[in-house]
Amino acid sequence: MKISQKFWFQLHGWCSLPVWLIFTAVCLTGTIAVLSHELTWLFNENARAYNPQNLPAKPLAELVAAVQQAEPTAAVTSVMVLEPYLVTAVLFTTETMPAAIAYVNPYTGVVQEINPGINFISFMRSLHGWLLFPWQHSYSVGYYLVSAMSLLMLGALITGLIIYKRFWQSFTAPKLRLHQGKKTVLADLHRLAGVWSLWFLLLMSLTGLWYLIQAVLWHNDVEFYYEAEQLSSLYVPAPAADGKVPDMIPLAQAVARAQQFLPELQPAFVMMPEHPRDYYRISGYGDSVWFDQYSYNVWINPWTGEVADSRVPAQMGGLETVMSVADPLHYGTIGGLWTKVIWFVFGLLVSGMAITGFMIWGSRTIRGAAGREAQARVEQAMTAALPIQTLSGATDNTAGAKQ
């Protein structure tokens, strides 16, 4: 059975129109999230890592010490190394600030700002990732909503290719008719943006589909990534006779030991031990741009300074590898600033497609409704005139009969 072009067109519209507002919001917030670091640098002077004297980056332990000096009661939980032109983010808690972020200049060691809540980068990633819906029992309704948009995007991509015959001609002879009315301009813009964004739409659909699968795995407590086992209580030193608990090794020693063990490791995220049986976890980049900042890991025993465990991409399973490469592909961090700019531009194109698609649908709907209303008025007028004509005909018949 041959499927009509009208059916494919209607299916193409229904792939996004029922959730158009959410779909557009996800596209726009994702586009902004790609350059959230750069936008922070642009609008917040305290987020800039000024280095006029070309100083080398200070050890992470010195940056943590600077935060503890500025906030003596701070309990540092983790450290995030961002782009070279941005500050290093030191996350900590105090009695009055349950979750705070200190912006520390990685070259001078100066604490430039203390943010007692969520910052712009975290806000945009959260808004794009799960629409700020709360997390409960390892899942968020918002995360499911956002990741499910990948199915609609994939459906719109496939149906769009079916509708647009010889779409490849738009690469060599793009058609944009600016003098044939609003409807024609919108349709041409929609088609051109779709064709030139094919690779991007496919990439976003596939990575978004992985996020949906990942959500299901998290929700069902399926362990598809590696975590080091906790230290045995036998290896945790007991308190001294006076009740004093031994000190853990300093952070500087833990980082140095991790880099000595894994020379290609470029620390980007450090997590402090949360309890006596926990580790220093030093994560970062390695010798491959395709993996995220959590792909190279070393776990350091906080009591002895020995390497307890490690993990590199070569040791990963299939799902763990997909998880590690999904973010760089989804957010365009594989080539630094240049690829992020490319992702931002195509994100704008896809957002524009969503908007022009809705405008085209709205225009057709309004015209269709106006046509149906006009037809209804005509039918109503004809129906109203019918009794008069019937009565006139009956009178004429009666008069004829009398004659």
Protein backbone atom coordinates (compact mmCIF):
# COMPACT_ATOMS: atom_id res chain seq x y z
CA MET A 1 0.00 0.00 0.00
CA LYS A 2 1.41 3.38 -0.99
CA ILE A 3 1.47 5.95 1.80
CA SER A 4 0.37 9.41 0.70
CA GLN A 5 2.51 12.52 0.98
CA LYS A 6 -0.23 14.09 3.10
CA PHE A 7 0.16 11.34 5.70
CA TRP A 8 3.93 11.91 5.98
CA PHE A 9 3.39 15.66 6.27
CA GLN A 10 0.87 15.19 9.08
CA LEU A 11 3.18 12.73 10.84
CA HIS A 12 6.06 15.19 10.48
CA GLY A 13 3.97 17.85 12.22
CA TRP A 14 2.78 15.55 14.97
CA CYS A 15 6.38 14.62 15.82
CA SER A 16 6.79 17.97 17.55
CA LEU A 17 3.55 19.99 17.57
CA PRO A 18 1.89 18.29 20.60
CA VAL A 19 4.91 19.23 22.76
CA TRP A 20 6.12 22.17 20.69
CA LEU A 21 6.77 24.45 23.66
CA ILE A 22 8.86 21.84 25.51
CA PHE A 23 10.69 20.88 22.33
CA THR A 24 11.59 24.49 21.57
CA ALA A 25 12.61 25.14 25.18
CA VAL A 26 14.92 22.12 25.17
CA CYS A 27 16.54 23.28 21.91
CA LEU A 28 17.05 26.86 23.12
CA THR A 29 18.34 25.96 26.58
CA GLY A 30 20.69 23.37 25.10
CA THR A 31 22.03 25.96 22.67
CA ILE A 32 22.72 28.38 25.52
CA ALA A 33 24.19 25.61 27.70
CA VAL A 34 26.81 24.87 25.03
CA LEU A 35 28.33 28.33 25.57
CA SER A 36 27.33 28.72 29.23
CA HIS A 37 30.98 28.91 30.30
CA GLU A 38 31.76 31.57 27.73
CA LEU A 39 28.62 33.55 28.58
CA THR A 40 29.63 33.43 32.25
CA TRP A 41 33.05 34.79 31.30
CA LEU A 42 31.39 37.54 29.25
CA PHE A 43 28.92 38.77 31.85
CA ASN A 44 30.68 38.00 35.15
CA GLU A 45 34.06 39.63 35.59
CA ASN A 46 34.75 37.51 38.69
CA ALA A 47 34.60 34.36 36.57
CA ARG A 48 37.55 35.42 34.42
CA ALA A 49 40.98 33.95 35.09
CA TYR A 50 43.14 37.03 34.61
CA ASN A 51 46.78 36.16 34.07
CA PRO A 52 48.66 39.20 32.76
CA GLN A 53 52.01 37.89 33.98
CA ASN A 54 51.59 34.49 32.25
CA LEU A 55 51.93 32.60 35.52
CA PRO A 56 51.63 28.80 35.55
CA ALA A 57 48.50 27.30 37.07
CA LYS A 58 48.81 26.73 40.81
CA PRO A 59 48.36 23.26 42.32
CA LEU A 60 44.76 22.45 43.22
CA ALA A 61 45.71 22.09 46.88
CA GLU A 62 46.74 25.76 47.01
CA LEU A 63 43.38 26.82 45.56
CA VAL A 64 41.56 24.74 48.17
CA ALA A 65 43.70 26.27 50.90
CA ALA A 66 42.78 29.76 49.65
CA VAL A 67 39.08 28.93 49.99
CA GLN A 68 39.57 27.52 53.48
CA GLN A 69 41.41 30.68 54.45
CA ALA A 70 38.55 32.82 53.12
CA GLU A 71 35.94 30.56 54.76
CA PRO A 72 37.55 28.94 57.84
CA THR A 73 34.55 26.65 58.48
CA ALA A 74 34.33 25.44 54.87
CA ALA A 75 34.24 21.71 54.24
CA VAL A 76 35.45 21.35 50.65
CA THR A 77 33.64 18.58 48.78
CA SER A 78 35.04 18.82 45.24
CA VAL A 79 37.08 20.89 42.81
CA MET A 80 36.25 21.52 39.15
CA VAL A 81 38.89 22.72 36.69
CA LEU A 82 37.23 24.61 33.84
CA GLU A 83 38.60 26.22 30.68
CA PRO A 84 41.97 28.03 30.96
CA TYR A 85 40.26 31.42 30.72
CA LEU A 86 37.86 30.63 33.57
CA VAL A 87 38.29 30.38 37.31
CA THR A 88 38.54 27.05 39.09
CA ALA A 89 35.31 26.17 40.94
CA VAL A 90 35.75 24.91 44.49
CA LEU A 91 32.56 23.46 45.95
CA PHE A 92 32.12 23.51 49.73
CA THR A 93 29.60 23.59 52.55
CA THR A 94 29.32 25.53 55.79
CA GLU A 95 26.72 25.75 58.53
CA THR A 96 25.11 28.74 56.81
CA MET A 97 25.73 27.68 53.19
CA PRO A 98 24.72 24.08 52.44
CA ALA A 99 26.05 24.31 48.87
CA ALA A 100 28.45 27.07 47.84
CA ILE A 101 30.87 27.62 44.97
CA ALA A 102 34.06 29.62 45.24
CA TYR A 103 35.55 31.14 42.08
CA VAL A 104 39.33 30.94 42.48
CA ASN A 105 41.81 32.36 39.97
CA PRO A 106 43.95 29.32 39.10
CA TYR A 107 47.02 31.51 38.38
CA THR A 108 46.98 33.91 41.33
CA GLY A 109 45.10 31.84 43.92
CA VAL A 110 42.73 34.73 44.67
CA VAL A 111 39.16 33.90 45.66
CA GLN A 112 37.27 36.26 43.33
CA GLU A 113 33.70 35.34 44.29
CA ILE A 114 31.74 33.07 46.58
CA ASN A 115 28.41 32.01 45.16
CA PRO A 116 26.10 30.64 47.89
CA GLY A 117 23.87 28.77 45.45
CA ILE A 118 23.50 27.52 41.92
CA ASN A 119 25.43 29.45 39.27
CA PHE A 120 24.49 30.23 35.67
CA ILE A 121 26.36 27.21 34.26
CA SER A 122 24.66 24.74 36.60
CA PHE A 123 21.30 26.43 36.12
CA MET A 124 21.41 26.17 32.32
CA ARG A 125 22.61 22.55 32.38
CA SER A 126 19.86 21.65 34.87
CA LEU A 127 17.18 23.55 32.94
CA HIS A 128 18.20 21.85 29.70
CA GLY A 129 18.81 18.43 31.24
CA TRP A 130 15.67 17.96 33.34
CA LEU A 131 13.71 21.24 33.23
CA LEU A 132 14.50 21.77 36.95
CA PHE A 133 12.17 18.92 37.92
CA PRO A 134 13.21 17.37 41.27
CA TRP A 135 15.14 14.09 41.46
CA GLN A 136 13.72 11.30 43.58
CA HIS A 137 14.69 7.64 43.85
CA SER A 138 17.29 7.89 41.05
CA TYR A 139 14.95 9.43 38.48
CA SER A 140 13.43 12.74 37.43
CA VAL A 141 10.27 13.18 35.38
CA GLY A 142 11.92 16.14 33.69
CA TYR A 143 14.89 14.03 32.62
CA TYR A 144 12.52 11.58 30.96
CA LEU A 145 10.63 14.42 29.24
CA VAL A 146 13.80 15.97 27.84
CA SER A 147 15.44 12.74 26.71
CA ALA A 148 12.16 11.57 25.12
CA MET A 149 12.40 14.58 22.81
CA SER A 150 15.10 12.58 20.98
CA LEU A 151 12.42 10.22 19.65
CA LEU A 152 10.40 13.14 18.30
CA MET A 153 13.49 14.74 16.79
CA LEU A 154 14.41 11.47 15.08
CA GLY A 155 10.85 11.08 13.81
CA ALA A 156 10.81 14.64 12.47
CA LEU A 157 14.16 14.03 10.78
CA ILE A 158 13.03 10.85 9.01
CA THR A 159 9.63 12.17 7.93
CA GLY A 160 11.20 15.45 6.80
CA LEU A 161 13.55 13.58 4.47
CA ILE A 162 10.61 11.63 3.06
CA ILE A 163 8.60 14.82 2.44
CA TYR A 164 11.43 16.85 0.96
CA LYS A 165 12.21 15.19 -2.35
CA ARG A 166 15.78 15.51 -3.63
CA PHE A 167 16.79 17.28 -0.45
CA TRP A 168 20.48 16.95 -1.36
CA GLN A 169 20.05 19.65 -3.99
CA SER A 170 19.86 22.21 -1.19
CA PHE A 171 23.58 21.68 -0.60
CA THR A 172 24.57 22.72 -4.12
CA ALA A 173 21.63 24.97 -5.11
CA PRO A 174 19.93 26.33 -1.99
CA LYS A 175 16.56 27.92 -2.72
CA LEU A 176 15.32 30.88 -0.71
CA ARG A 177 12.46 32.81 -2.36
CA LEU A 178 12.21 36.14 -0.58
CA HIS A 179 9.62 37.81 -2.81
CA GLN A 180 6.85 35.21 -2.89
CA GLY A 181 5.17 35.86 0.42
CA LYS A 182 5.64 34.98 4.08
CA LYS A 183 4.49 31.39 3.68
CA THR A 184 7.08 30.65 0.99
CA VAL A 185 9.91 32.30 2.92
CA LEU A 186 9.10 30.33 6.09
CA ALA A 187 8.88 27.05 4.18
CA ASP A 188 12.21 27.65 2.40
CA LEU A 189 13.96 28.64 5.64
CA HIS A 190 12.57 25.57 7.39
CA ARG A 191 13.74 23.22 4.65
CA LEU A 192 17.18 24.80 4.28
CA ALA A 193 17.84 24.74 8.02
CA GLY A 194 16.74 21.10 8.15
CA VAL A 195 18.96 19.96 5.30
CA TRP A 196 22.06 21.78 6.51
CA SER A 197 21.46 20.51 10.05
CA LEU A 198 21.00 16.85 9.12
CA TRP A 199 24.22 15.71 10.77
CA PHE A 200 23.50 17.78 13.87
CA LEU A 201 19.91 16.55 14.17
CA LEU A 202 21.07 12.95 13.88
CA LEU A 203 23.80 13.50 16.48
CA MET A 204 21.40 15.17 18.93
CA SER A 205 18.81 12.43 18.36
CA LEU A 206 21.26 9.59 19.01
CA THR A 207 22.89 11.16 22.07
CA GLY A 208 19.45 12.13 23.40
CA LEU A 209 18.29 8.56 22.87
CA TRP A 210 21.25 7.39 24.94
CA TYR A 211 20.23 9.77 27.74
CA LEU A 212 16.77 8.16 27.68
CA ILE A 213 18.29 4.68 27.93
CA GLN A 214 20.60 5.93 30.68
CA ALA A 215 17.60 7.26 32.63
CA VAL A 216 15.90 3.88 32.46
CA LEU A 217 19.08 2.14 33.64
CA TRP A 218 19.48 4.56 36.55
CA HIS A 219 15.83 4.21 37.49
CA ASN A 220 16.15 0.43 37.65
CA ASP A 221 19.49 0.47 39.53
CA VAL A 222 21.37 -1.17 36.69
CA GLU A 223 25.13 -0.67 37.25
CA PHE A 224 26.64 -0.08 33.84
CA TYR A 225 29.63 2.03 34.93
CA TYR A 226 32.54 1.29 37.21
CA GLU A 227 32.92 2.45 40.80
CA ALA A 228 35.70 1.45 43.17
CA GLU A 229 34.65 -0.59 46.17
CA GLN A 230 34.78 1.14 49.52
CA LEU A 231 37.77 0.66 51.77
CA SER A 232 37.45 -2.23 54.15
CA SER A 233 37.01 -1.10 57.74
CA LEU A 234 40.14 -3.14 58.51
CA TYR A 235 42.22 -0.57 56.61
CA VAL A 236 40.72 2.46 58.36
CA PRO A 237 42.98 3.52 61.23
CA ALA A 238 41.37 3.39 64.65
CA PRO A 239 41.24 6.49 66.85
CA ALA A 240 44.15 6.99 69.21
CA ALA A 241 43.88 6.32 72.93
CA ASP A 242 42.96 9.94 73.52
CA GLY A 243 40.15 9.65 70.97
CA LYS A 244 41.90 11.72 68.31
CA VAL A 245 41.27 10.57 64.74
CA PRO A 246 44.38 10.38 62.52
CA ASP A 247 44.63 12.93 59.73
CA MET A 248 44.15 11.98 56.12
CA ILE A 249 46.94 12.65 53.67
CA PRO A 250 46.87 16.16 52.16
CA LEU A 251 45.21 16.73 48.80
CA ALA A 252 48.51 17.74 47.19
CA GLN A 253 49.97 14.31 47.93
CA ALA A 254 46.90 12.52 46.55
CA VAL A 255 46.96 14.49 43.26
CA ALA A 256 50.71 14.01 42.86
CA ARG A 257 50.38 10.27 43.43
CA ALA A 258 47.54 10.01 40.89
CA GLN A 259 49.52 11.84 38.20
CA GLN A 260 52.59 9.76 38.95
CA PHE A 261 50.55 6.59 38.51
CA LEU A 262 48.72 7.85 35.38
CA PRO A 263 50.98 10.37 33.60
CA GLU A 264 48.44 11.19 30.85
CA LEU A 265 45.84 12.26 33.44
CA GLN A 266 44.89 15.96 33.29
CA PRO A 267 42.90 16.53 36.51
CA ALA A 268 39.56 18.23 35.88
CA PHE A 269 37.48 17.00 38.81
CA VAL A 270 38.59 16.06 42.31
CA MET A 271 36.23 14.64 44.89
CA MET A 272 37.19 14.60 48.54
CA PRO A 273 36.52 11.60 50.80
CA GLU A 274 33.01 11.81 52.21
CA HIS A 275 33.59 9.30 55.01
CA PRO A 276 36.49 7.27 56.49
CA ARG A 277 36.06 4.43 53.98
CA ASP A 278 35.96 6.73 50.96
CA TYR A 279 38.80 7.81 48.64
CA TYR A 280 40.26 10.84 46.99
CA ARG A 281 38.90 10.50 43.48
CA ILE A 282 40.94 12.33 40.85
CA SER A 283 39.22 12.40 37.46
CA GLY A 284 40.11 14.15 34.26
CA TYR A 285 40.98 14.07 30.60
CA GLY A 286 43.58 11.88 29.00
CA ASP A 287 45.07 11.40 25.57
CA SER A 288 41.72 11.30 23.72
CA VAL A 289 39.40 14.25 23.00
CA TRP A 290 36.38 12.00 22.58
CA PHE A 291 36.01 11.19 26.28
CA ASP A 292 34.63 13.48 28.97
CA GLN A 293 36.34 14.84 32.07
CA TYR A 294 35.34 11.83 34.18
CA SER A 295 36.82 9.13 31.94
CA TYR A 296 40.32 8.86 33.43
CA ASN A 297 40.11 8.04 37.14
CA VAL A 298 42.44 7.24 39.98
CA TRP A 299 41.22 6.40 43.49
CA ILE A 300 43.74 7.23 46.23
CA ASN A 301 43.63 5.72 49.73
CA PRO A 302 43.31 8.81 51.99
CA TRP A 303 45.17 7.15 54.85
CA THR A 304 48.17 5.65 53.10
CA GLY A 305 48.41 7.59 49.84
CA GLU A 306 48.46 4.37 47.81
CA VAL A 307 46.56 3.90 44.57
CA ALA A 308 43.50 1.82 45.43
CA ASP A 309 42.06 1.59 41.91
CA SER A 310 42.11 3.22 38.50
CA ARG A 311 40.03 3.31 35.33
CA VAL A 312 40.81 4.43 31.77
CA PRO A 313 38.74 4.21 28.55
CA ALA A 314 40.57 1.07 27.40
CA GLN A 315 39.03 -0.78 30.37
CA MET A 316 35.47 0.38 29.76
CA GLY A 317 32.59 -1.75 28.61
CA GLY A 318 30.25 -0.78 25.78
CA LEU A 319 27.64 1.19 27.75
CA GLU A 320 30.27 2.88 29.88
CA THR A 321 32.10 4.00 26.73
CA VAL A 322 28.89 5.44 25.28
CA MET A 323 28.24 7.30 28.53
CA SER A 324 31.74 8.81 28.45
CA VAL A 325 31.58 10.04 24.85
CA ALA A 326 27.93 11.20 24.83
CA ASP A 327 28.48 14.54 26.58
CA PRO A 328 31.42 15.72 24.43
CA LEU A 329 29.38 14.92 21.32
CA HIS A 330 26.17 16.42 22.67
CA TYR A 331 27.72 19.68 23.91
CA GLY A 332 30.48 20.01 21.32
CA THR A 333 33.45 20.07 23.68
CA ILE A 334 35.55 17.71 21.56
CA GLY A 335 37.49 20.55 19.92
CA GLY A 336 37.33 23.27 22.55
CA LEU A 337 35.88 26.69 21.83
CA TRP A 338 35.72 26.27 18.04
CA THR A 339 33.50 23.20 18.10
CA LYS A 340 31.32 24.74 20.80
CA VAL A 341 30.72 27.73 18.54
CA ILE A 342 29.74 25.37 15.70
CA TRP A 343 27.35 23.51 18.00
CA PHE A 344 25.90 26.84 19.14
CA VAL A 345 25.24 27.97 15.55
CA PHE A 346 23.53 24.72 14.59
CA GLY A 347 21.60 24.78 17.86
CA LEU A 348 20.20 28.13 16.78
CA LEU A 349 19.30 26.63 13.39
CA VAL A 350 17.39 23.76 15.01
CA SER A 351 15.64 26.17 17.38
CA GLY A 352 14.71 28.28 14.36
CA MET A 353 13.35 25.18 12.63
CA ALA A 354 11.09 24.48 15.58
CA ILE A 355 9.78 28.04 15.52
CA THR A 356 9.29 28.27 11.74
CA GLY A 357 7.67 24.83 11.73
CA PHE A 358 5.12 26.01 14.26
CA MET A 359 4.53 29.20 12.24
CA ILE A 360 3.93 27.16 9.08
CA TRP A 361 1.55 24.85 10.93
CA GLY A 362 -0.23 27.85 12.49
CA SER A 363 -0.62 29.53 9.11
CA ARG A 364 -2.07 26.37 7.56
CA THR A 365 -4.36 25.85 10.54
CA ILE A 366 -5.69 29.40 10.43
CA ARG A 367 -6.30 29.21 6.67
CA GLY A 368 -7.92 25.83 7.05
CA ALA A 369 -10.17 27.07 9.85
CA ALA A 370 -11.11 30.16 7.83
CA GLY A 371 -11.94 27.98 4.82
CA ARG A 372 -14.07 25.64 6.89
CA GLU A 373 -15.87 28.59 8.47
CA ALA A 374 -16.61 30.11 5.04
CA GLN A 375 -17.85 26.74 3.78
CA ALA A 376 -20.06 26.40 6.85
CA ARG A 377 -21.58 29.84 6.21
CA VAL A 378 -22.33 28.92 2.60
CA GLU A 379 -23.95 25.65 3.65
CA GLN A 380 -25.93 27.43 6.35
CA ALA A 381 -27.20 30.01 3.84
CA MET A 382 -28.18 27.27 1.41
CA THR A 383 -29.94 25.36 4.16
CA ALA A 384 -31.83 28.50 5.23
CA ALA A 385 -32.95 29.18 1.65
CA LEU A 386 -34.12 25.60 1.09
CA PRO A 387 -37.50 25.85 2.97
CA ILE A 388 -38.41 29.02 1.04
CA GLN A 389 -37.69 27.31 -2.26
CA THR A 390 -39.66 24.24 -1.18
CA LEU A 391 -42.59 26.37 -0.08
CA SER A 392 -42.53 28.32 -3.36
CA GLY A 393 -42.50 25.12 -5.33
CA ALA A 394 -45.40 23.71 -3.32
CA THR A 395 -47.50 26.89 -3.95
CA ASP A 396 -46.86 26.69 -7.66
CA ASN A 397 -47.95 23.04 -7.72
CA THR A 398 -51.13 23.84 -5.82
CA ALA A 399 -52.04 26.66 -8.18
CA GLY A 400 -51.51 24.41 -11.15
CA ALA A 401 -53.73 21.77 -9.68
CA LYS A 402 -56.56 24.27 -9.19
CA GLN A 403 -56.35 25.34 -12.78
